[in-house]
Amino acid sequence: MVDKVIVAVYKSRRKDETYLYVKKQDGLTKIPESLLTIFGDPEPVMTLLLHSGKKLARVSVGQVLEALTEQGFYLQMPPPKDEYLVTLPDEFLCFNDPE
């Protein structure tokens, strides 16, 4: 596994909070067409230098670097929804409606 790499980060226009990390030098060339179909047209967000001392908000740098080495990209999915929001009955959800 490499210990330092410049990555380009793209966000999905179709899936909220979904990001692709790729080696900047490779661009989107290693992304499977089926993933791009679901992901949509990637929108560039930022370029980062990733190394073992760098911190990311939702994932470890080690996981990203490993995925970049093994498959050529890292797909960051949205965080799971809180369980209580998924199971909250509809009658409680309507209390916030302005009607």
PDB file of N, CA and C in Angstrom:
ATOM      1  N   MET A   1       0.850  -1.193   0.000  1.00  0.00           N
ATOM      2  CA  MET A   1       0.000   0.000   0.000  1.00  0.00           C
ATOM      3  C   MET A   1       0.884   1.241   0.000  1.00  0.00           C
ATOM      4  N   VAL A   2       0.515   2.217  -0.828  1.00  0.00           N
ATOM      5  CA  VAL A   2       1.247   3.480  -0.838  1.00  0.00           C
ATOM      6  C   VAL A   2       0.944   4.244   0.441  1.00  0.00           C
ATOM      7  N   ASP A   3       1.872   5.097   0.865  1.00  0.00           N
ATOM      8  CA  ASP A   3       1.633   5.835   2.101  1.00  0.00           C
ATOM      9  C   ASP A   3       1.372   7.317   1.866  1.00  0.00           C
ATOM     10  N   LYS A   4       1.412   7.746   0.590  1.00  0.00           N
ATOM     11  CA  LYS A   4       1.153   9.144   0.260  1.00  0.00           C
ATOM     12  C   LYS A   4       0.657   9.210  -1.179  1.00  0.00           C
ATOM     13  N   VAL A   5      -0.452   9.907  -1.408  1.00  0.00           N
ATOM     14  CA  VAL A   5      -0.989  10.011  -2.764  1.00  0.00           C
ATOM     15  C   VAL A   5      -1.851  11.279  -2.878  1.00  0.00           C
ATOM     16  N   ILE A   6      -1.817  11.882  -4.059  1.00  0.00           N
ATOM     17  CA  ILE A   6      -2.687  13.029  -4.345  1.00  0.00           C
ATOM     18  C   ILE A   6      -3.977  12.470  -4.931  1.00  0.00           C
ATOM     19  N   VAL A   7      -5.094  12.837  -4.316  1.00  0.00           N
ATOM     20  CA  VAL A   7      -6.388  12.329  -4.765  1.00  0.00           C
ATOM     21  C   VAL A   7      -7.295  13.470  -5.211  1.00  0.00           C
ATOM     22  N   ALA A   8      -8.164  13.139  -6.151  1.00  0.00           N
ATOM     23  CA  ALA A   8      -9.242  14.031  -6.564  1.00  0.00           C
ATOM     24  C   ALA A   8     -10.524  13.457  -5.965  1.00  0.00           C
ATOM     25  N   VAL A   9     -11.349  14.324  -5.418  1.00  0.00           N
ATOM     26  CA  VAL A   9     -12.605  13.907  -4.803  1.00  0.00           C
ATOM     27  C   VAL A   9     -13.751  14.471  -5.632  1.00  0.00           C
ATOM     28  N   TYR A  10     -14.697  13.595  -5.955  1.00  0.00           N
ATOM     29  CA  TYR A  10     -15.873  13.971  -6.739  1.00  0.00           C
ATOM     30  C   TYR A  10     -17.127  13.653  -5.938  1.00  0.00           C
ATOM     31  N   LYS A  11     -18.138  14.497  -6.082  1.00  0.00           N
ATOM     32  CA  LYS A  11     -19.418  14.192  -5.437  1.00  0.00           C
ATOM     33  C   LYS A  11     -20.427  13.786  -6.490  1.00  0.00           C
ATOM     34  N   SER A  12     -21.388  12.987  -6.048  1.00  0.00           N
ATOM     35  CA  SER A  12     -22.450  12.536  -6.936  1.00  0.00           C
ATOM     36  C   SER A  12     -23.535  13.599  -7.017  1.00  0.00           C
ATOM     37  N   ARG A  13     -24.038  13.806  -8.203  1.00  0.00           N
ATOM     38  CA  ARG A  13     -25.170  14.723  -8.379  1.00  0.00           C
ATOM     39  C   ARG A  13     -26.500  13.986  -8.170  1.00  0.00           C
ATOM     40  N   ARG A  14     -26.436  12.655  -8.104  1.00  0.00           N
ATOM     41  CA  ARG A  14     -27.652  11.847  -7.932  1.00  0.00           C
ATOM     42  C   ARG A  14     -27.855  11.352  -6.510  1.00  0.00           C
ATOM     43  N   LYS A  15     -26.773  11.068  -5.822  1.00  0.00           N
ATOM     44  CA  LYS A  15     -26.854  10.467  -4.483  1.00  0.00           C
ATOM     45  C   LYS A  15     -26.236  11.424  -3.472  1.00  0.00           C
ATOM     46  N   ASP A  16     -27.052  11.966  -2.576  1.00  0.00           N
ATOM     47  CA  ASP A  16     -26.548  12.882  -1.551  1.00  0.00           C
ATOM     48  C   ASP A  16     -25.468  12.220  -0.707  1.00  0.00           C
ATOM     49  N   GLU A  17     -24.472  13.012  -0.345  1.00  0.00           N
ATOM     50  CA  GLU A  17     -23.393  12.597   0.544  1.00  0.00           C
ATOM     51  C   GLU A  17     -22.621  11.376   0.039  1.00  0.00           C
ATOM     52  N   THR A  18     -22.533  11.219  -1.270  1.00  0.00           N
ATOM     53  CA  THR A  18     -21.795  10.117  -1.879  1.00  0.00           C
ATOM     54  C   THR A  18     -20.625  10.706  -2.665  1.00  0.00           C
ATOM     55  N   TYR A  19     -19.423  10.203  -2.372  1.00  0.00           N
ATOM     56  CA  TYR A  19     -18.197  10.756  -2.948  1.00  0.00           C
ATOM     57  C   TYR A  19     -17.307   9.657  -3.505  1.00  0.00           C
ATOM     58  N   LEU A  20     -16.557   9.985  -4.559  1.00  0.00           N
ATOM     59  CA  LEU A  20     -15.550   9.109  -5.129  1.00  0.00           C
ATOM     60  C   LEU A  20     -14.181   9.729  -4.913  1.00  0.00           C
ATOM     61  N   TYR A  21     -13.259   8.938  -4.379  1.00  0.00           N
ATOM     62  CA  TYR A  21     -11.866   9.340  -4.248  1.00  0.00           C
ATOM     63  C   TYR A  21     -11.087   8.560  -5.300  1.00  0.00           C
ATOM     64  N   VAL A  22     -10.295   9.259  -6.104  1.00  0.00           N
ATOM     65  CA  VAL A  22      -9.468   8.615  -7.125  1.00  0.00           C
ATOM     66  C   VAL A  22      -8.078   9.241  -7.093  1.00  0.00           C
ATOM     67  N   LYS A  23      -7.093   8.497  -7.564  1.00  0.00           N
ATOM     68  CA  LYS A  23      -5.762   9.083  -7.721  1.00  0.00           C
ATOM     69  C   LYS A  23      -5.873  10.169  -8.782  1.00  0.00           C
ATOM     70  N   LYS A  24      -5.356  11.335  -8.471  1.00  0.00           N
ATOM     71  CA  LYS A  24      -5.465  12.462  -9.406  1.00  0.00           C
ATOM     72  C   LYS A  24      -4.877  12.107 -10.770  1.00  0.00           C
ATOM     73  N   GLN A  25      -3.778  11.396 -10.782  1.00  0.00           N
ATOM     74  CA  GLN A  25      -3.123  11.043 -12.047  1.00  0.00           C
ATOM     75  C   GLN A  25      -3.974  10.105 -12.898  1.00  0.00           C
ATOM     76  N   ASP A  26      -4.836   9.289 -12.250  1.00  0.00           N
ATOM     77  CA  ASP A  26      -5.690   8.348 -12.987  1.00  0.00           C
ATOM     78  C   ASP A  26      -7.015   8.965 -13.403  1.00  0.00           C
ATOM     79  N   GLY A  27      -7.450   9.975 -12.688  1.00  0.00           N
ATOM     80  CA  GLY A  27      -8.763  10.552 -12.957  1.00  0.00           C
ATOM     81  C   GLY A  27      -9.851   9.497 -12.788  1.00  0.00           C
ATOM     82  N   LEU A  28     -10.825   9.505 -13.651  1.00  0.00           N
ATOM     83  CA  LEU A  28     -11.955   8.580 -13.550  1.00  0.00           C
ATOM     84  C   LEU A  28     -11.780   7.331 -14.414  1.00  0.00           C
ATOM     85  N   THR A  29     -10.572   7.086 -14.909  1.00  0.00           N
ATOM     86  CA  THR A  29     -10.340   5.983 -15.843  1.00  0.00           C
ATOM     87  C   THR A  29     -10.549   4.601 -15.235  1.00  0.00           C
ATOM     88  N   LYS A  30     -10.417   4.462 -13.916  1.00  0.00           N
ATOM     89  CA  LYS A  30     -10.544   3.144 -13.286  1.00  0.00           C
ATOM     90  C   LYS A  30     -11.915   2.900 -12.666  1.00  0.00           C
ATOM     91  N   ILE A  31     -12.837   3.815 -12.871  1.00  0.00           N
ATOM     92  CA  ILE A  31     -14.185   3.673 -12.310  1.00  0.00           C
ATOM     93  C   ILE A  31     -15.012   2.814 -13.262  1.00  0.00           C
ATOM     94  N   PRO A  32     -15.614   1.730 -12.750  1.00  0.00           N
ATOM     95  CA  PRO A  32     -16.463   0.890 -13.611  1.00  0.00           C
ATOM     96  C   PRO A  32     -17.634   1.695 -14.177  1.00  0.00           C
ATOM     97  N   GLU A  33     -17.967   1.430 -15.421  1.00  0.00           N
ATOM     98  CA  GLU A  33     -19.069   2.141 -16.086  1.00  0.00           C
ATOM     99  C   GLU A  33     -20.382   1.975 -15.317  1.00  0.00           C
ATOM    100  N   SER A  34     -20.596   0.779 -14.751  1.00  0.00           N
ATOM    101  CA  SER A  34     -21.839   0.541 -13.991  1.00  0.00           C
ATOM    102  C   SER A  34     -21.921   1.449 -12.762  1.00  0.00           C
ATOM    103  N   LEU A  35     -20.791   1.715 -12.114  1.00  0.00           N
ATOM    104  CA  LEU A  35     -20.783   2.623 -10.958  1.00  0.00           C
ATOM    105  C   LEU A  35     -21.053   4.049 -11.420  1.00  0.00           C
ATOM    106  N   LEU A  36     -20.444   4.460 -12.505  1.00  0.00           N
ATOM    107  CA  LEU A  36     -20.679   5.818 -13.011  1.00  0.00           C
ATOM    108  C   LEU A  36     -22.131   6.030 -13.417  1.00  0.00           C
ATOM    109  N   THR A  37     -22.784   4.990 -13.915  1.00  0.00           N
ATOM    110  CA  THR A  37     -24.195   5.092 -14.278  1.00  0.00           C
ATOM    111  C   THR A  37     -25.039   5.407 -13.048  1.00  0.00           C
ATOM    112  N   ILE A  38     -24.758   4.739 -11.953  1.00  0.00           N
ATOM    113  CA  ILE A  38     -25.500   4.966 -10.709  1.00  0.00           C
ATOM    114  C   ILE A  38     -25.087   6.283 -10.064  1.00  0.00           C
ATOM    115  N   PHE A  39     -23.793   6.557 -10.061  1.00  0.00           N
ATOM    116  CA  PHE A  39     -23.227   7.749  -9.424  1.00  0.00           C
ATOM    117  C   PHE A  39     -23.666   9.029 -10.122  1.00  0.00           C
ATOM    118  N   GLY A  40     -23.803   8.958 -11.439  1.00  0.00           N
ATOM    119  CA  GLY A  40     -24.146  10.148 -12.205  1.00  0.00           C
ATOM    120  C   GLY A  40     -22.894  10.888 -12.638  1.00  0.00           C
ATOM    121  N   ASP A  41     -23.071  12.054 -13.208  1.00  0.00           N
ATOM    122  CA  ASP A  41     -21.957  12.861 -13.686  1.00  0.00           C
ATOM    123  C   ASP A  41     -21.162  13.377 -12.485  1.00  0.00           C
ATOM    124  N   PRO A  42     -19.916  12.899 -12.295  1.00  0.00           N
ATOM    125  CA  PRO A  42     -19.141  13.306 -11.118  1.00  0.00           C
ATOM    126  C   PRO A  42     -18.821  14.802 -11.133  1.00  0.00           C
ATOM    127  N   GLU A  43     -19.041  15.446  -9.999  1.00  0.00           N
ATOM    128  CA  GLU A  43     -18.736  16.872  -9.859  1.00  0.00           C
ATOM    129  C   GLU A  43     -17.475  17.021  -9.010  1.00  0.00           C
ATOM    130  N   PRO A  44     -16.405  17.623  -9.552  1.00  0.00           N
ATOM    131  CA  PRO A  44     -15.175  17.784  -8.778  1.00  0.00           C
ATOM    132  C   PRO A  44     -15.420  18.622  -7.527  1.00  0.00           C
ATOM    133  N   VAL A  45     -14.860  18.167  -6.404  1.00  0.00           N
ATOM    134  CA  VAL A  45     -15.031  18.873  -5.134  1.00  0.00           C
ATOM    135  C   VAL A  45     -13.709  19.442  -4.645  1.00  0.00           C
ATOM    136  N   MET A  46     -12.664  18.608  -4.608  1.00  0.00           N
ATOM    137  CA  MET A  46     -11.377  19.064  -4.101  1.00  0.00           C
ATOM    138  C   MET A  46     -10.268  18.096  -4.487  1.00  0.00           C
ATOM    139  N   THR A  47      -9.050  18.549  -4.277  1.00  0.00           N
ATOM    140  CA  THR A  47      -7.859  17.732  -4.445  1.00  0.00           C
ATOM    141  C   THR A  47      -7.153  17.716  -3.100  1.00  0.00           C
ATOM    142  N   LEU A  48      -6.713  16.529  -2.669  1.00  0.00           N
ATOM    143  CA  LEU A  48      -6.069  16.364  -1.360  1.00  0.00           C
ATOM    144  C   LEU A  48      -4.785  15.567  -1.476  1.00  0.00           C
ATOM    145  N   LEU A  49      -3.856  15.850  -0.586  1.00  0.00           N
ATOM    146  CA  LEU A  49      -2.701  14.988  -0.403  1.00  0.00           C
ATOM    147  C   LEU A  49      -3.024  14.090   0.781  1.00  0.00           C
ATOM    148  N   LEU A  50      -3.188  12.799   0.527  1.00  0.00           N
ATOM    149  CA  LEU A  50      -3.485  11.856   1.609  1.00  0.00           C
ATOM    150  C   LEU A  50      -2.200  11.188   2.062  1.00  0.00           C
ATOM    151  N   HIS A  51      -2.038  11.112   3.368  1.00  0.00           N
ATOM    152  CA  HIS A  51      -0.906  10.422   3.986  1.00  0.00           C
ATOM    153  C   HIS A  51      -1.341   9.955   5.363  1.00  0.00           C
ATOM    154  N   SER A  52      -0.523   9.144   6.006  1.00  0.00           N
ATOM    155  CA  SER A  52      -0.919   8.514   7.266  1.00  0.00           C
ATOM    156  C   SER A  52      -1.241   9.513   8.376  1.00  0.00           C
ATOM    157  N   GLY A  53      -0.708  10.712   8.334  1.00  0.00           N
ATOM    158  CA  GLY A  53      -0.989  11.707   9.367  1.00  0.00           C
ATOM    159  C   GLY A  53      -2.237  12.534   9.112  1.00  0.00           C
ATOM    160  N   LYS A  54      -2.843  12.381   7.954  1.00  0.00           N
ATOM    161  CA  LYS A  54      -4.034  13.154   7.571  1.00  0.00           C
ATOM    162  C   LYS A  54      -5.284  12.553   8.208  1.00  0.00           C
ATOM    163  N   LYS A  55      -6.220  13.389   8.597  1.00  0.00           N
ATOM    164  CA  LYS A  55      -7.496  12.944   9.159  1.00  0.00           C
ATOM    165  C   LYS A  55      -8.619  13.284   8.190  1.00  0.00           C
ATOM    166  N   LEU A  56      -9.526  12.351   8.030  1.00  0.00           N
ATOM    167  CA  LEU A  56     -10.739  12.575   7.243  1.00  0.00           C
ATOM    168  C   LEU A  56     -11.938  12.441   8.175  1.00  0.00           C
ATOM    169  N   ALA A  57     -13.041  13.068   7.820  1.00  0.00           N
ATOM    170  CA  ALA A  57     -14.209  13.111   8.701  1.00  0.00           C
ATOM    171  C   ALA A  57     -14.892  11.766   8.894  1.00  0.00           C
ATOM    172  N   ARG A  58     -15.082  10.993   7.837  1.00  0.00           N
ATOM    173  CA  ARG A  58     -15.933   9.798   7.945  1.00  0.00           C
ATOM    174  C   ARG A  58     -15.226   8.476   7.695  1.00  0.00           C
ATOM    175  N   VAL A  59     -13.957   8.514   7.354  1.00  0.00           N
ATOM    176  CA  VAL A  59     -13.252   7.281   7.013  1.00  0.00           C
ATOM    177  C   VAL A  59     -11.775   7.463   7.352  1.00  0.00           C
ATOM    178  N   SER A  60     -11.101   6.361   7.587  1.00  0.00           N
ATOM    179  CA  SER A  60      -9.670   6.462   7.852  1.00  0.00           C
ATOM    180  C   SER A  60      -8.911   6.596   6.538  1.00  0.00           C
ATOM    181  N   VAL A  61      -7.833   7.327   6.577  1.00  0.00           N
ATOM    182  CA  VAL A  61      -6.991   7.494   5.397  1.00  0.00           C
ATOM    183  C   VAL A  61      -6.479   6.132   4.928  1.00  0.00           C
ATOM    184  N   GLY A  62      -6.183   5.241   5.880  1.00  0.00           N
ATOM    185  CA  GLY A  62      -5.718   3.895   5.536  1.00  0.00           C
ATOM    186  C   GLY A  62      -6.704   3.145   4.663  1.00  0.00           C
ATOM    187  N   GLN A  63      -7.991   3.249   4.971  1.00  0.00           N
ATOM    188  CA  GLN A  63      -9.016   2.584   4.162  1.00  0.00           C
ATOM    189  C   GLN A  63      -9.045   3.139   2.736  1.00  0.00           C
ATOM    190  N   VAL A  64      -8.934   4.457   2.616  1.00  0.00           N
ATOM    191  CA  VAL A  64      -8.963   5.085   1.296  1.00  0.00           C
ATOM    192  C   VAL A  64      -7.733   4.666   0.500  1.00  0.00           C
ATOM    193  N   LEU A  65      -6.551   4.735   1.116  1.00  0.00           N
ATOM    194  CA  LEU A  65      -5.318   4.365   0.425  1.00  0.00           C
ATOM    195  C   LEU A  65      -5.328   2.900   0.002  1.00  0.00           C
ATOM    196  N   GLU A  66      -5.850   2.043   0.857  1.00  0.00           N
ATOM    197  CA  GLU A  66      -5.936   0.616   0.526  1.00  0.00           C
ATOM    198  C   GLU A  66      -6.855   0.384  -0.675  1.00  0.00           C
ATOM    199  N   ALA A  67      -8.015   1.041  -0.665  1.00  0.00           N
ATOM    200  CA  ALA A  67      -8.961   0.888  -1.777  1.00  0.00           C
ATOM    201  C   ALA A  67      -8.370   1.442  -3.074  1.00  0.00           C
ATOM    202  N   LEU A  68      -7.661   2.562  -2.985  1.00  0.00           N
ATOM    203  CA  LEU A  68      -7.031   3.128  -4.178  1.00  0.00           C
ATOM    204  C   LEU A  68      -6.009   2.168  -4.769  1.00  0.00           C
ATOM    205  N   THR A  69      -5.267   1.492  -3.903  1.00  0.00           N
ATOM    206  CA  THR A  69      -4.253   0.540  -4.354  1.00  0.00           C
ATOM    207  C   THR A  69      -4.900  -0.702  -4.957  1.00  0.00           C
ATOM    208  N   GLU A  70      -5.938  -1.221  -4.291  1.00  0.00           N
ATOM    209  CA  GLU A  70      -6.551  -2.481  -4.713  1.00  0.00           C
ATOM    210  C   GLU A  70      -7.509  -2.346  -5.892  1.00  0.00           C
ATOM    211  N   GLN A  71      -8.338  -1.290  -5.905  1.00  0.00           N
ATOM    212  CA  GLN A  71      -9.351  -1.197  -6.960  1.00  0.00           C
ATOM    213  C   GLN A  71      -9.290   0.091  -7.770  1.00  0.00           C
ATOM    214  N   GLY A  72      -8.448   1.029  -7.364  1.00  0.00           N
ATOM    215  CA  GLY A  72      -8.297   2.256  -8.134  1.00  0.00           C
ATOM    216  C   GLY A  72      -9.223   3.391  -7.745  1.00  0.00           C
ATOM    217  N   PHE A  73     -10.092   3.164  -6.766  1.00  0.00           N
ATOM    218  CA  PHE A  73     -10.999   4.209  -6.292  1.00  0.00           C
ATOM    219  C   PHE A  73     -11.521   3.832  -4.910  1.00  0.00           C
ATOM    220  N   TYR A  74     -12.067   4.838  -4.211  1.00  0.00           N
ATOM    221  CA  TYR A  74     -12.763   4.600  -2.951  1.00  0.00           C
ATOM    222  C   TYR A  74     -14.114   5.294  -3.061  1.00  0.00           C
ATOM    223  N   LEU A  75     -15.183   4.572  -2.768  1.00  0.00           N
ATOM    224  CA  LEU A  75     -16.534   5.115  -2.796  1.00  0.00           C
ATOM    225  C   LEU A  75     -16.986   5.364  -1.373  1.00  0.00           C
ATOM    226  N   GLN A  76     -17.239   6.631  -1.045  1.00  0.00           N
ATOM    227  CA  GLN A  76     -17.734   6.982   0.284  1.00  0.00           C
ATOM    228  C   GLN A  76     -19.241   7.142   0.214  1.00  0.00           C
ATOM    229  N   MET A  77     -19.934   6.307   0.970  1.00  0.00           N
ATOM    230  CA  MET A  77     -21.396   6.326   0.999  1.00  0.00           C
ATOM    231  C   MET A  77     -21.882   7.245   2.117  1.00  0.00           C
ATOM    232  N   PRO A  78     -23.140   7.660   2.069  1.00  0.00           N
ATOM    233  CA  PRO A  78     -23.676   8.499   3.147  1.00  0.00           C
ATOM    234  C   PRO A  78     -23.727   7.716   4.455  1.00  0.00           C
ATOM    235  N   PRO A  79     -23.657   8.431   5.575  1.00  0.00           N
ATOM    236  CA  PRO A  79     -23.758   7.734   6.858  1.00  0.00           C
ATOM    237  C   PRO A  79     -25.144   7.123   7.009  1.00  0.00           C
ATOM    238  N   PRO A  80     -25.256   6.039   7.790  1.00  0.00           N
ATOM    239  CA  PRO A  80     -26.579   5.433   7.988  1.00  0.00           C
ATOM    240  C   PRO A  80     -27.509   6.391   8.723  1.00  0.00           C
ATOM    241  N   LYS A  81     -28.778   6.310   8.388  1.00  0.00           N
ATOM    242  CA  LYS A  81     -29.775   7.143   9.076  1.00  0.00           C
ATOM    243  C   LYS A  81     -29.958   6.611  10.490  1.00  0.00           C
ATOM    244  N   ASP A  82     -30.284   7.516  11.391  1.00  0.00           N
ATOM    245  CA  ASP A  82     -30.546   7.094  12.760  1.00  0.00           C
ATOM    246  C   ASP A  82     -31.738   6.160  12.782  1.00  0.00           C
ATOM    247  N   GLU A  83     -31.620   5.085  13.523  1.00  0.00           N
ATOM    248  CA  GLU A  83     -32.651   4.048  13.574  1.00  0.00           C
ATOM    249  C   GLU A  83     -34.012   4.621  13.989  1.00  0.00           C
ATOM    250  N   TYR A  84     -34.025   5.563  14.928  1.00  0.00           N
ATOM    251  CA  TYR A  84     -35.310   6.085  15.387  1.00  0.00           C
ATOM    252  C   TYR A  84     -36.027   6.870  14.288  1.00  0.00           C
ATOM    253  N   LEU A  85     -35.292   7.451  13.348  1.00  0.00           N
ATOM    254  CA  LEU A  85     -35.941   8.166  12.255  1.00  0.00           C
ATOM    255  C   LEU A  85     -36.565   7.210  11.254  1.00  0.00           C
ATOM    256  N   VAL A  86     -35.964   6.058  11.093  1.00  0.00           N
ATOM    257  CA  VAL A  86     -36.483   5.074  10.155  1.00  0.00           C
ATOM    258  C   VAL A  86     -37.743   4.435  10.692  1.00  0.00           C
ATOM    259  N   THR A  87     -37.819   4.219  11.993  1.00  0.00           N
ATOM    260  CA  THR A  87     -38.937   3.500  12.583  1.00  0.00           C
ATOM    261  C   THR A  87     -40.004   4.410  13.186  1.00  0.00           C
ATOM    262  N   LEU A  88     -39.844   5.715  13.084  1.00  0.00           N
ATOM    263  CA  LEU A  88     -40.811   6.638  13.646  1.00  0.00           C
ATOM    264  C   LEU A  88     -42.126   6.550  12.868  1.00  0.00           C
ATOM    265  N   PRO A  89     -43.236   6.318  13.547  1.00  0.00           N
ATOM    266  CA  PRO A  89     -44.525   6.195  12.849  1.00  0.00           C
ATOM    267  C   PRO A  89     -44.905   7.491  12.125  1.00  0.00           C
ATOM    268  N   ASP A  90     -45.617   7.360  11.028  1.00  0.00           N
ATOM    269  CA  ASP A  90     -46.013   8.509  10.225  1.00  0.00           C
ATOM    270  C   ASP A  90     -46.801   9.542  11.020  1.00  0.00           C
ATOM    271  N   GLU A  91     -47.600   9.109  11.974  1.00  0.00           N
ATOM    272  CA  GLU A  91     -48.404  10.073  12.727  1.00  0.00           C
ATOM    273  C   GLU A  91     -47.538  11.039  13.538  1.00  0.00           C
ATOM    274  N   PHE A  92     -46.315  10.627  13.899  1.00  0.00           N
ATOM    275  CA  PHE A  92     -45.414  11.535  14.601  1.00  0.00           C
ATOM    276  C   PHE A  92     -44.722  12.485  13.622  1.00  0.00           C
ATOM    277  N   LEU A  93     -44.465  12.015  12.423  1.00  0.00           N
ATOM    278  CA  LEU A  93     -43.784  12.837  11.448  1.00  0.00           C
ATOM    279  C   LEU A  93     -44.628  14.012  10.978  1.00  0.00           C
ATOM    280  N   CYS A  94     -45.938  13.881  11.015  1.00  0.00           N
ATOM    281  CA  CYS A  94     -46.830  14.937  10.530  1.00  0.00           C
ATOM    282  C   CYS A  94     -46.878  16.140  11.473  1.00  0.00           C
ATOM    283  N   PHE A  95     -46.372  16.043  12.687  1.00  0.00           N
ATOM    284  CA  PHE A  95     -46.406  17.167  13.614  1.00  0.00           C
ATOM    285  C   PHE A  95     -45.562  18.344  13.148  1.00  0.00           C
ATOM    286  N   ASN A  96     -44.599  18.104  12.299  1.00  0.00           N
ATOM    287  CA  ASN A  96     -43.764  19.180  11.794  1.00  0.00           C
ATOM    288  C   ASN A  96     -44.297  19.793  10.509  1.00  0.00           C
ATOM    289  N   ASP A  97     -45.361  19.241   9.966  1.00  0.00           N
ATOM    290  CA  ASP A  97     -45.941  19.801   8.754  1.00  0.00           C
ATOM    291  C   ASP A  97     -46.614  21.119   9.072  1.00  0.00           C
ATOM    292  N   PRO A  98     -46.423  22.135   8.221  1.00  0.00           N
ATOM    293  CA  PRO A  98     -47.021  23.443   8.479  1.00  0.00           C
ATOM    294  C   PRO A  98     -48.523  23.510   8.220  1.00  0.00           C
ATOM    295  N   GLU A  99     -49.135  22.455   7.739  1.00  0.00           N
ATOM    296  CA  GLU A  99     -50.564  22.460   7.399  1.00  0.00           C
ATOM    297  C   GLU A  99     -51.435  22.640   8.598  1.00  0.00           C
TER     298      GLU A  99
END
